[in-house]
Amino acid sequence: MIRRFTPASGNAAAGKELTDPALLERLRSLGYVAVSAGSFVEPSGKPLPDPKDRIQVYELFSEAMADGQHGRYEESLRKLAEAEKNEPSSVPIRYLEALDYYRQKDFRRSIEQFRSALELDPKFALATYYLGLAQVEAGDLDGATTSLERALRLDPTNFAAAFNLGAVYLKKNRVDDARGQFEHAVEVNPDYAQAYEALGEVDLYLKRTEEAVRALERAVELAPDSAKAHYNLGRGYQALGRAADAQREFARAQTH
């Protein structure tokens, strides 16, 4: 279609109008008020890619994604490297490469690739989030804090980012900040058992016993097999003087 409606050369050809009334009407219905001839180049002057190459990249990318999801990381990375020859500045390719490295626990390379993707698209919230997770695994808590805070600014609905930021704050002894993030996580996702469990544990530490019990009751409701949640709920009941309830939860903790 591009070749058909692109002038061969010269300004005279560039001034030609499309003459198919049906096509013009369809284009106008899609919002194209004025229809003019196109070109083979981007505004920068770079030639547009051959569509055949794009199809190959799409197929390689799709296969690489499936390989990564099934744990075939080396095969996925090989296909992504092949796709990158035709698309050297592809954000999705760099992101998938970073994910493969992350799942292989090669956190150094993972961090490099997430940063590389973010150089191309600084507002890529998911890449920012995973960069933070990789930095946690690499022991860079300051870097992880910066990345996870930015991920939440880019996407406040990312409850997993809030939870992991809370966990990082705990490691840095910022207990009140951690509690705020766990609260945010359960506000966004009211069925997030792990965040309720963390919130309850923090509230126990802060002597907010009634709040802790409410959070931990919700945690065991959502995740009845969590031994840690049952144990901490038992601690909460014990602090409230509910000895029978405490013993019941301690017993449940031992069976999971």
C-alpha atoms as a PDB file:
ATOM      1  CA  MET A   1       0.000   0.000   0.000  1.00  0.00           C
ATOM      2  CA  ILE A   2       2.860   2.400   0.807  1.00  0.00           C
ATOM      3  CA  ARG A   3       4.480   1.708  -2.561  1.00  0.00           C
ATOM      4  CA  ARG A   4       1.188   2.092  -4.423  1.00  0.00           C
ATOM      5  CA  PHE A   5       0.407   5.517  -3.027  1.00  0.00           C
ATOM      6  CA  THR A   6       3.941   6.925  -2.740  1.00  0.00           C
ATOM      7  CA  PRO A   7       5.137   9.153  -5.592  1.00  0.00           C
ATOM      8  CA  ALA A   8       8.109   7.875  -7.529  1.00  0.00           C
ATOM      9  CA  SER A   9       9.949  11.214  -7.453  1.00  0.00           C
ATOM     10  CA  GLY A  10       9.605  14.965  -7.808  1.00  0.00           C
ATOM     11  CA  ASN A  11       7.204  17.592  -6.466  1.00  0.00           C
ATOM     12  CA  ALA A  12       4.743  17.142  -9.317  1.00  0.00           C
ATOM     13  CA  ALA A  13       4.169  13.538  -8.322  1.00  0.00           C
ATOM     14  CA  ALA A  14       3.984  14.538  -4.658  1.00  0.00           C
ATOM     15  CA  GLY A  15       1.051  16.792  -5.428  1.00  0.00           C
ATOM     16  CA  LYS A  16      -1.117  14.043  -6.879  1.00  0.00           C
ATOM     17  CA  GLU A  17      -4.352  13.274  -5.088  1.00  0.00           C
ATOM     18  CA  LEU A  18      -5.918   9.862  -4.486  1.00  0.00           C
ATOM     19  CA  THR A  19      -8.720   9.374  -6.999  1.00  0.00           C
ATOM     20  CA  ASP A  20     -10.589   6.351  -5.610  1.00  0.00           C
ATOM     21  CA  PRO A  21     -13.808   7.905  -4.139  1.00  0.00           C
ATOM     22  CA  ALA A  22     -14.566   4.855  -2.005  1.00  0.00           C
ATOM     23  CA  LEU A  23     -11.066   4.854  -0.520  1.00  0.00           C
ATOM     24  CA  LEU A  24     -11.217   8.586   0.140  1.00  0.00           C
ATOM     25  CA  GLU A  25     -14.548   8.199   1.903  1.00  0.00           C
ATOM     26  CA  ARG A  26     -13.212   5.400   4.096  1.00  0.00           C
ATOM     27  CA  LEU A  27     -10.143   7.441   5.007  1.00  0.00           C
ATOM     28  CA  ARG A  28     -12.283  10.482   5.845  1.00  0.00           C
ATOM     29  CA  SER A  29     -14.532   8.300   8.035  1.00  0.00           C
ATOM     30  CA  LEU A  30     -11.418   7.322   9.985  1.00  0.00           C
ATOM     31  CA  GLY A  31     -10.551  10.955  10.609  1.00  0.00           C
ATOM     32  CA  TYR A  32      -8.200  11.655   7.707  1.00  0.00           C
ATOM     33  CA  VAL A  33      -9.587  15.006   6.574  1.00  0.00           C
ATOM     34  CA  ALA A  34      -6.836  15.627   4.043  1.00  0.00           C
ATOM     35  CA  VAL A  35      -5.137  12.775   2.219  1.00  0.00           C
ATOM     36  CA  SER A  36      -1.724  13.320   0.717  1.00  0.00           C
ATOM     37  CA  ALA A  37       1.046  11.107  -0.551  1.00  0.00           C
ATOM     38  CA  GLY A  38       3.438   9.604   1.937  1.00  0.00           C
ATOM     39  CA  SER A  39       7.136   8.820   1.857  1.00  0.00           C
ATOM     40  CA  PHE A  40       9.547   5.976   2.501  1.00  0.00           C
ATOM     41  CA  VAL A  41      11.368   7.767   5.308  1.00  0.00           C
ATOM     42  CA  GLU A  42      10.752   8.763   8.909  1.00  0.00           C
ATOM     43  CA  PRO A  43      10.876  12.495   9.850  1.00  0.00           C
ATOM     44  CA  SER A  44      14.541  11.969  10.843  1.00  0.00           C
ATOM     45  CA  GLY A  45      15.350  10.853   7.305  1.00  0.00           C
ATOM     46  CA  LYS A  46      15.869   7.220   8.318  1.00  0.00           C
ATOM     47  CA  PRO A  47      14.361   4.776   5.789  1.00  0.00           C
ATOM     48  CA  LEU A  48      11.304   2.883   6.956  1.00  0.00           C
ATOM     49  CA  PRO A  49      11.945  -0.809   7.685  1.00  0.00           C
ATOM     50  CA  ASP A  50      11.040  -3.478   5.176  1.00  0.00           C
ATOM     51  CA  PRO A  51       7.726  -5.043   6.323  1.00  0.00           C
ATOM     52  CA  LYS A  52       9.195  -8.510   5.739  1.00  0.00           C
ATOM     53  CA  ASP A  53      11.811  -7.763   8.405  1.00  0.00           C
ATOM     54  CA  ARG A  54       9.105  -6.646  10.827  1.00  0.00           C
ATOM     55  CA  ILE A  55       7.242  -9.923  10.370  1.00  0.00           C
ATOM     56  CA  GLN A  56      10.412 -11.860  11.167  1.00  0.00           C
ATOM     57  CA  VAL A  57      11.034  -9.719  14.266  1.00  0.00           C
ATOM     58  CA  TYR A  58       7.447 -10.234  15.409  1.00  0.00           C
ATOM     59  CA  GLU A  59       7.743 -13.999  15.047  1.00  0.00           C
ATOM     60  CA  LEU A  60      11.101 -14.124  16.835  1.00  0.00           C
ATOM     61  CA  PHE A  61       9.772 -11.906  19.620  1.00  0.00           C
ATOM     62  CA  SER A  62       6.652 -14.061  20.079  1.00  0.00           C
ATOM     63  CA  GLU A  63       8.683 -17.263  20.156  1.00  0.00           C
ATOM     64  CA  ALA A  64      11.190 -15.728  22.586  1.00  0.00           C
ATOM     65  CA  MET A  65       8.363 -14.654  24.892  1.00  0.00           C
ATOM     66  CA  ALA A  66       6.965 -18.209  24.911  1.00  0.00           C
ATOM     67  CA  ASP A  67      10.430 -19.655  25.548  1.00  0.00           C
ATOM     68  CA  GLY A  68      10.960 -17.322  28.489  1.00  0.00           C
ATOM     69  CA  GLN A  69       7.581 -18.193  29.999  1.00  0.00           C
ATOM     70  CA  HIS A  70       8.500 -21.889  29.843  1.00  0.00           C
ATOM     71  CA  GLY A  71      11.962 -21.466  31.352  1.00  0.00           C
ATOM     72  CA  ARG A  72      13.920 -21.806  28.107  1.00  0.00           C
ATOM     73  CA  TYR A  73      15.908 -18.665  28.805  1.00  0.00           C
ATOM     74  CA  GLU A  74      18.966 -19.308  26.643  1.00  0.00           C
ATOM     75  CA  GLU A  75      16.769 -20.072  23.641  1.00  0.00           C
ATOM     76  CA  SER A  76      14.720 -16.943  24.354  1.00  0.00           C
ATOM     77  CA  LEU A  77      17.840 -14.784  24.562  1.00  0.00           C
ATOM     78  CA  ARG A  78      19.182 -16.234  21.299  1.00  0.00           C
ATOM     79  CA  LYS A  79      15.974 -15.307  19.463  1.00  0.00           C
ATOM     80  CA  LEU A  80      15.875 -11.853  21.007  1.00  0.00           C
ATOM     81  CA  ALA A  81      19.472 -11.233  19.914  1.00  0.00           C
ATOM     82  CA  GLU A  82      18.492 -12.231  16.383  1.00  0.00           C
ATOM     83  CA  ALA A  83      15.458  -9.928  16.456  1.00  0.00           C
ATOM     84  CA  GLU A  84      17.591  -7.090  17.785  1.00  0.00           C
ATOM     85  CA  LYS A  85      19.712  -7.159  14.619  1.00  0.00           C
ATOM     86  CA  ASN A  86      16.701  -5.719  12.760  1.00  0.00           C
ATOM     87  CA  GLU A  87      15.327  -3.681  15.687  1.00  0.00           C
ATOM     88  CA  PRO A  88      18.377  -2.394  17.609  1.00  0.00           C
ATOM     89  CA  SER A  89      16.355   0.197  19.517  1.00  0.00           C
ATOM     90  CA  SER A  90      13.373  -1.927  20.509  1.00  0.00           C
ATOM     91  CA  VAL A  91      12.158  -1.339  24.059  1.00  0.00           C
ATOM     92  CA  PRO A  92      10.171  -4.631  24.239  1.00  0.00           C
ATOM     93  CA  ILE A  93      13.187  -6.669  23.090  1.00  0.00           C
ATOM     94  CA  ARG A  94      15.475  -5.119  25.701  1.00  0.00           C
ATOM     95  CA  TYR A  95      12.790  -5.566  28.355  1.00  0.00           C
ATOM     96  CA  LEU A  96      12.348  -9.276  27.563  1.00  0.00           C
ATOM     97  CA  GLU A  97      16.115  -9.773  27.590  1.00  0.00           C
ATOM     98  CA  ALA A  98      16.249  -8.166  31.028  1.00  0.00           C
ATOM     99  CA  LEU A  99      13.429 -10.414  32.259  1.00  0.00           C
ATOM    100  CA  ASP A 100      15.254 -13.513  31.007  1.00  0.00           C
ATOM    101  CA  TYR A 101      18.393 -12.492  32.878  1.00  0.00           C
ATOM    102  CA  TYR A 102      16.337 -11.710  35.980  1.00  0.00           C
ATOM    103  CA  ARG A 103      14.698 -15.145  35.936  1.00  0.00           C
ATOM    104  CA  GLN A 104      18.130 -16.713  35.488  1.00  0.00           C
ATOM    105  CA  LYS A 105      19.212 -14.799  38.606  1.00  0.00           C
ATOM    106  CA  ASP A 106      21.846 -12.954  36.590  1.00  0.00           C
ATOM    107  CA  PHE A 107      20.976  -9.717  38.321  1.00  0.00           C
ATOM    108  CA  ARG A 108      23.941  -7.701  37.044  1.00  0.00           C
ATOM    109  CA  ARG A 109      22.992  -8.219  33.395  1.00  0.00           C
ATOM    110  CA  SER A 110      19.334  -7.846  34.248  1.00  0.00           C
ATOM    111  CA  ILE A 111      19.948  -4.422  35.785  1.00  0.00           C
ATOM    112  CA  GLU A 112      21.974  -3.370  32.731  1.00  0.00           C
ATOM    113  CA  GLN A 113      19.195  -4.379  30.340  1.00  0.00           C
ATOM    114  CA  PHE A 114      16.367  -2.798  32.345  1.00  0.00           C
ATOM    115  CA  ARG A 115      18.368   0.421  32.410  1.00  0.00           C
ATOM    116  CA  SER A 116      18.961   0.104  28.690  1.00  0.00           C
ATOM    117  CA  ALA A 117      15.206  -0.214  28.081  1.00  0.00           C
ATOM    118  CA  LEU A 118      14.558   2.778  30.315  1.00  0.00           C
ATOM    119  CA  GLU A 119      17.053   4.893  28.370  1.00  0.00           C
ATOM    120  CA  LEU A 120      14.740   4.433  25.395  1.00  0.00           C
ATOM    121  CA  ASP A 121      11.515   4.849  27.395  1.00  0.00           C
ATOM    122  CA  PRO A 122      12.043   6.510  30.812  1.00  0.00           C
ATOM    123  CA  LYS A 123       8.318   6.188  31.639  1.00  0.00           C
ATOM    124  CA  PHE A 124       8.187   2.413  31.244  1.00  0.00           C
ATOM    125  CA  ALA A 125       6.683   1.649  34.667  1.00  0.00           C
ATOM    126  CA  LEU A 126       7.025  -2.138  34.562  1.00  0.00           C
ATOM    127  CA  ALA A 127      10.700  -1.997  33.600  1.00  0.00           C
ATOM    128  CA  THR A 128      11.269   0.454  36.458  1.00  0.00           C
ATOM    129  CA  TYR A 129       9.533  -1.945  38.850  1.00  0.00           C
ATOM    130  CA  TYR A 130      11.593  -4.949  37.790  1.00  0.00           C
ATOM    131  CA  LEU A 131      14.767  -2.864  37.911  1.00  0.00           C
ATOM    132  CA  GLY A 132      13.943  -2.249  41.571  1.00  0.00           C
ATOM    133  CA  LEU A 133      13.435  -5.970  42.214  1.00  0.00           C
ATOM    134  CA  ALA A 134      16.756  -6.794  40.549  1.00  0.00           C
ATOM    135  CA  GLN A 135      18.489  -4.151  42.658  1.00  0.00           C
ATOM    136  CA  VAL A 136      17.012  -5.694  45.814  1.00  0.00           C
ATOM    137  CA  GLU A 137      18.419  -9.070  44.791  1.00  0.00           C
ATOM    138  CA  ALA A 138      21.794  -7.466  44.057  1.00  0.00           C
ATOM    139  CA  GLY A 139      21.842  -5.876  47.526  1.00  0.00           C
ATOM    140  CA  ASP A 140      21.508  -2.283  46.281  1.00  0.00           C
ATOM    141  CA  LEU A 141      18.805  -1.095  48.672  1.00  0.00           C
ATOM    142  CA  ASP A 142      19.290   2.590  47.902  1.00  0.00           C
ATOM    143  CA  GLY A 143      18.957   1.975  44.176  1.00  0.00           C
ATOM    144  CA  ALA A 144      15.967  -0.283  44.762  1.00  0.00           C
ATOM    145  CA  THR A 145      14.284   2.399  46.875  1.00  0.00           C
ATOM    146  CA  THR A 146      14.704   4.972  44.113  1.00  0.00           C
ATOM    147  CA  SER A 147      13.440   2.591  41.414  1.00  0.00           C
ATOM    148  CA  LEU A 148      10.415   1.316  43.338  1.00  0.00           C
ATOM    149  CA  GLU A 149       9.405   4.813  44.415  1.00  0.00           C
ATOM    150  CA  ARG A 150       9.588   5.914  40.778  1.00  0.00           C
ATOM    151  CA  ALA A 151       7.647   2.841  39.651  1.00  0.00           C
ATOM    152  CA  LEU A 152       4.837   3.826  42.016  1.00  0.00           C
ATOM    153  CA  ARG A 153       4.849   7.410  40.778  1.00  0.00           C
ATOM    154  CA  LEU A 154       4.500   6.099  37.234  1.00  0.00           C
ATOM    155  CA  ASP A 155       1.813   3.566  38.216  1.00  0.00           C
ATOM    156  CA  PRO A 156       0.205   4.063  41.657  1.00  0.00           C
ATOM    157  CA  THR A 157      -1.939   0.941  41.080  1.00  0.00           C
ATOM    158  CA  ASN A 158       1.093  -1.377  41.160  1.00  0.00           C
ATOM    159  CA  PHE A 159       0.360  -3.023  44.521  1.00  0.00           C
ATOM    160  CA  ALA A 160       3.337  -5.385  44.162  1.00  0.00           C
ATOM    161  CA  ALA A 161       5.646  -2.365  43.865  1.00  0.00           C
ATOM    162  CA  ALA A 162       4.115  -0.917  47.036  1.00  0.00           C
ATOM    163  CA  PHE A 163       4.593  -4.214  48.872  1.00  0.00           C
ATOM    164  CA  ASN A 164       8.207  -4.582  47.777  1.00  0.00           C
ATOM    165  CA  LEU A 165       8.961  -0.956  48.581  1.00  0.00           C
ATOM    166  CA  GLY A 166       7.540  -1.587  52.043  1.00  0.00           C
ATOM    167  CA  ALA A 167       9.848  -4.577  52.421  1.00  0.00           C
ATOM    168  CA  VAL A 168      12.826  -2.431  51.400  1.00  0.00           C
ATOM    169  CA  TYR A 169      11.813   0.261  53.886  1.00  0.00           C
ATOM    170  CA  LEU A 170      11.740  -2.402  56.625  1.00  0.00           C
ATOM    171  CA  LYS A 171      15.278  -3.457  55.748  1.00  0.00           C
ATOM    172  CA  LYS A 172      16.283   0.193  56.106  1.00  0.00           C
ATOM    173  CA  ASN A 173      14.449   0.412  59.457  1.00  0.00           C
ATOM    174  CA  ARG A 174      11.865   2.856  58.087  1.00  0.00           C
ATOM    175  CA  VAL A 175       9.021   1.075  59.847  1.00  0.00           C
ATOM    176  CA  ASP A 176       6.327   3.743  59.557  1.00  0.00           C
ATOM    177  CA  ASP A 177       7.071   4.220  55.851  1.00  0.00           C
ATOM    178  CA  ALA A 178       6.898   0.456  55.378  1.00  0.00           C
ATOM    179  CA  ARG A 179       3.504   0.326  57.058  1.00  0.00           C
ATOM    180  CA  GLY A 180       2.233   3.044  54.747  1.00  0.00           C
ATOM    181  CA  GLN A 181       3.263   1.045  51.697  1.00  0.00           C
ATOM    182  CA  PHE A 182       1.651  -2.166  52.972  1.00  0.00           C
ATOM    183  CA  GLU A 183      -1.545  -0.198  53.598  1.00  0.00           C
ATOM    184  CA  HIS A 184      -1.378   1.190  50.071  1.00  0.00           C
ATOM    185  CA  ALA A 185      -0.918  -2.320  48.678  1.00  0.00           C
ATOM    186  CA  VAL A 186      -4.092  -3.650  50.330  1.00  0.00           C
ATOM    187  CA  GLU A 187      -6.050  -0.539  49.394  1.00  0.00           C
ATOM    188  CA  VAL A 188      -5.255  -1.204  45.744  1.00  0.00           C
ATOM    189  CA  ASN A 189      -5.690  -4.980  46.039  1.00  0.00           C
ATOM    190  CA  PRO A 190      -7.998  -5.983  48.925  1.00  0.00           C
ATOM    191  CA  ASP A 191      -7.192  -9.669  48.274  1.00  0.00           C
ATOM    192  CA  TYR A 192      -3.418  -9.358  48.686  1.00  0.00           C
ATOM    193  CA  ALA A 193      -2.770 -11.836  51.520  1.00  0.00           C
ATOM    194  CA  GLN A 194       0.976 -11.272  51.725  1.00  0.00           C
ATOM    195  CA  ALA A 195       0.528  -7.533  52.237  1.00  0.00           C
ATOM    196  CA  TYR A 196      -2.064  -8.089  55.005  1.00  0.00           C
ATOM    197  CA  GLU A 197       0.381 -10.447  56.687  1.00  0.00           C
ATOM    198  CA  ALA A 198       3.196  -7.884  56.496  1.00  0.00           C
ATOM    199  CA  LEU A 199       0.889  -5.107  57.710  1.00  0.00           C
ATOM    200  CA  GLY A 200      -0.190  -7.242  60.674  1.00  0.00           C
ATOM    201  CA  GLU A 201       3.392  -8.077  61.586  1.00  0.00           C
ATOM    202  CA  VAL A 202       4.406  -4.414  61.494  1.00  0.00           C
ATOM    203  CA  ASP A 203       1.387  -3.469  63.625  1.00  0.00           C
ATOM    204  CA  LEU A 204       2.397  -6.096  66.186  1.00  0.00           C
ATOM    205  CA  TYR A 205       5.842  -4.527  66.321  1.00  0.00           C
ATOM    206  CA  LEU A 206       4.277  -1.076  66.754  1.00  0.00           C
ATOM    207  CA  LYS A 207       1.964  -2.391  69.528  1.00  0.00           C
ATOM    208  CA  ARG A 208      -1.094  -1.649  67.410  1.00  0.00           C
ATOM    209  CA  THR A 209      -2.525  -4.976  68.451  1.00  0.00           C
ATOM    210  CA  GLU A 210      -6.148  -4.619  67.418  1.00  0.00           C
ATOM    211  CA  GLU A 211      -5.168  -3.356  63.967  1.00  0.00           C
ATOM    212  CA  ALA A 212      -2.674  -6.204  63.700  1.00  0.00           C
ATOM    213  CA  VAL A 213      -5.320  -8.810  64.522  1.00  0.00           C
ATOM    214  CA  ARG A 214      -7.707  -7.409  61.910  1.00  0.00           C
ATOM    215  CA  ALA A 215      -5.018  -7.504  59.241  1.00  0.00           C
ATOM    216  CA  LEU A 216      -3.869 -11.003  60.188  1.00  0.00           C
ATOM    217  CA  GLU A 217      -7.405 -12.361  60.318  1.00  0.00           C
ATOM    218  CA  ARG A 218      -7.811 -11.146  56.746  1.00  0.00           C
ATOM    219  CA  ALA A 219      -4.450 -12.707  55.838  1.00  0.00           C
ATOM    220  CA  VAL A 220      -5.419 -16.187  57.082  1.00  0.00           C
ATOM    221  CA  GLU A 221      -8.819 -15.843  55.449  1.00  0.00           C
ATOM    222  CA  LEU A 222      -7.124 -15.229  52.098  1.00  0.00           C
ATOM    223  CA  ALA A 223      -4.214 -17.640  52.632  1.00  0.00           C
ATOM    224  CA  PRO A 224      -5.314 -20.334  55.111  1.00  0.00           C
ATOM    225  CA  ASP A 225      -2.124 -22.361  54.500  1.00  0.00           C
ATOM    226  CA  SER A 226       0.229 -19.593  55.652  1.00  0.00           C
ATOM    227  CA  ALA A 227       1.914 -20.862  58.826  1.00  0.00           C
ATOM    228  CA  LYS A 228       3.496 -17.460  59.464  1.00  0.00           C
ATOM    229  CA  ALA A 229       0.148 -15.650  59.300  1.00  0.00           C
ATOM    230  CA  HIS A 230      -1.441 -18.125  61.731  1.00  0.00           C
ATOM    231  CA  TYR A 231       1.505 -17.807  64.103  1.00  0.00           C
ATOM    232  CA  ASN A 232       1.431 -14.005  64.097  1.00  0.00           C
ATOM    233  CA  LEU A 233      -2.340 -14.013  64.521  1.00  0.00           C
ATOM    234  CA  GLY A 234      -1.787 -16.238  67.557  1.00  0.00           C
ATOM    235  CA  ARG A 235       0.639 -13.662  68.918  1.00  0.00           C
ATOM    236  CA  GLY A 236      -1.973 -10.955  68.388  1.00  0.00           C
ATOM    237  CA  TYR A 237      -4.676 -12.939  70.180  1.00  0.00           C
ATOM    238  CA  GLN A 238      -2.243 -13.658  73.008  1.00  0.00           C
ATOM    239  CA  ALA A 239      -1.514  -9.943  73.403  1.00  0.00           C
ATOM    240  CA  LEU A 240      -5.267  -9.294  73.625  1.00  0.00           C
ATOM    241  CA  GLY A 241      -5.670 -11.948  76.314  1.00  0.00           C
ATOM    242  CA  ARG A 242      -7.566 -14.342  74.037  1.00  0.00           C
ATOM    243  CA  ALA A 243      -5.648 -17.433  75.120  1.00  0.00           C
ATOM    244  CA  ALA A 244      -7.918 -20.070  73.534  1.00  0.00           C
ATOM    245  CA  ASP A 245      -7.865 -18.299  70.161  1.00  0.00           C
ATOM    246  CA  ALA A 246      -4.101 -17.916  70.418  1.00  0.00           C
ATOM    247  CA  GLN A 247      -3.582 -21.645  71.059  1.00  0.00           C
ATOM    248  CA  ARG A 248      -5.832 -22.502  68.122  1.00  0.00           C
ATOM    249  CA  GLU A 249      -3.758 -20.343  65.759  1.00  0.00           C
ATOM    250  CA  PHE A 250      -0.440 -21.681  67.102  1.00  0.00           C
ATOM    251  CA  ALA A 251      -1.740 -25.222  66.485  1.00  0.00           C
ATOM    252  CA  ARG A 252      -2.769 -24.298  62.945  1.00  0.00           C
ATOM    253  CA  ALA A 253       0.658 -22.795  62.334  1.00  0.00           C
ATOM    254  CA  GLN A 254       2.269 -26.126  63.226  1.00  0.00           C
ATOM    255  CA  THR A 255       0.132 -28.048  60.746  1.00  0.00           C
ATOM    256  CA  HIS A 256       1.105 -25.878  57.747  1.00  0.00           C
END
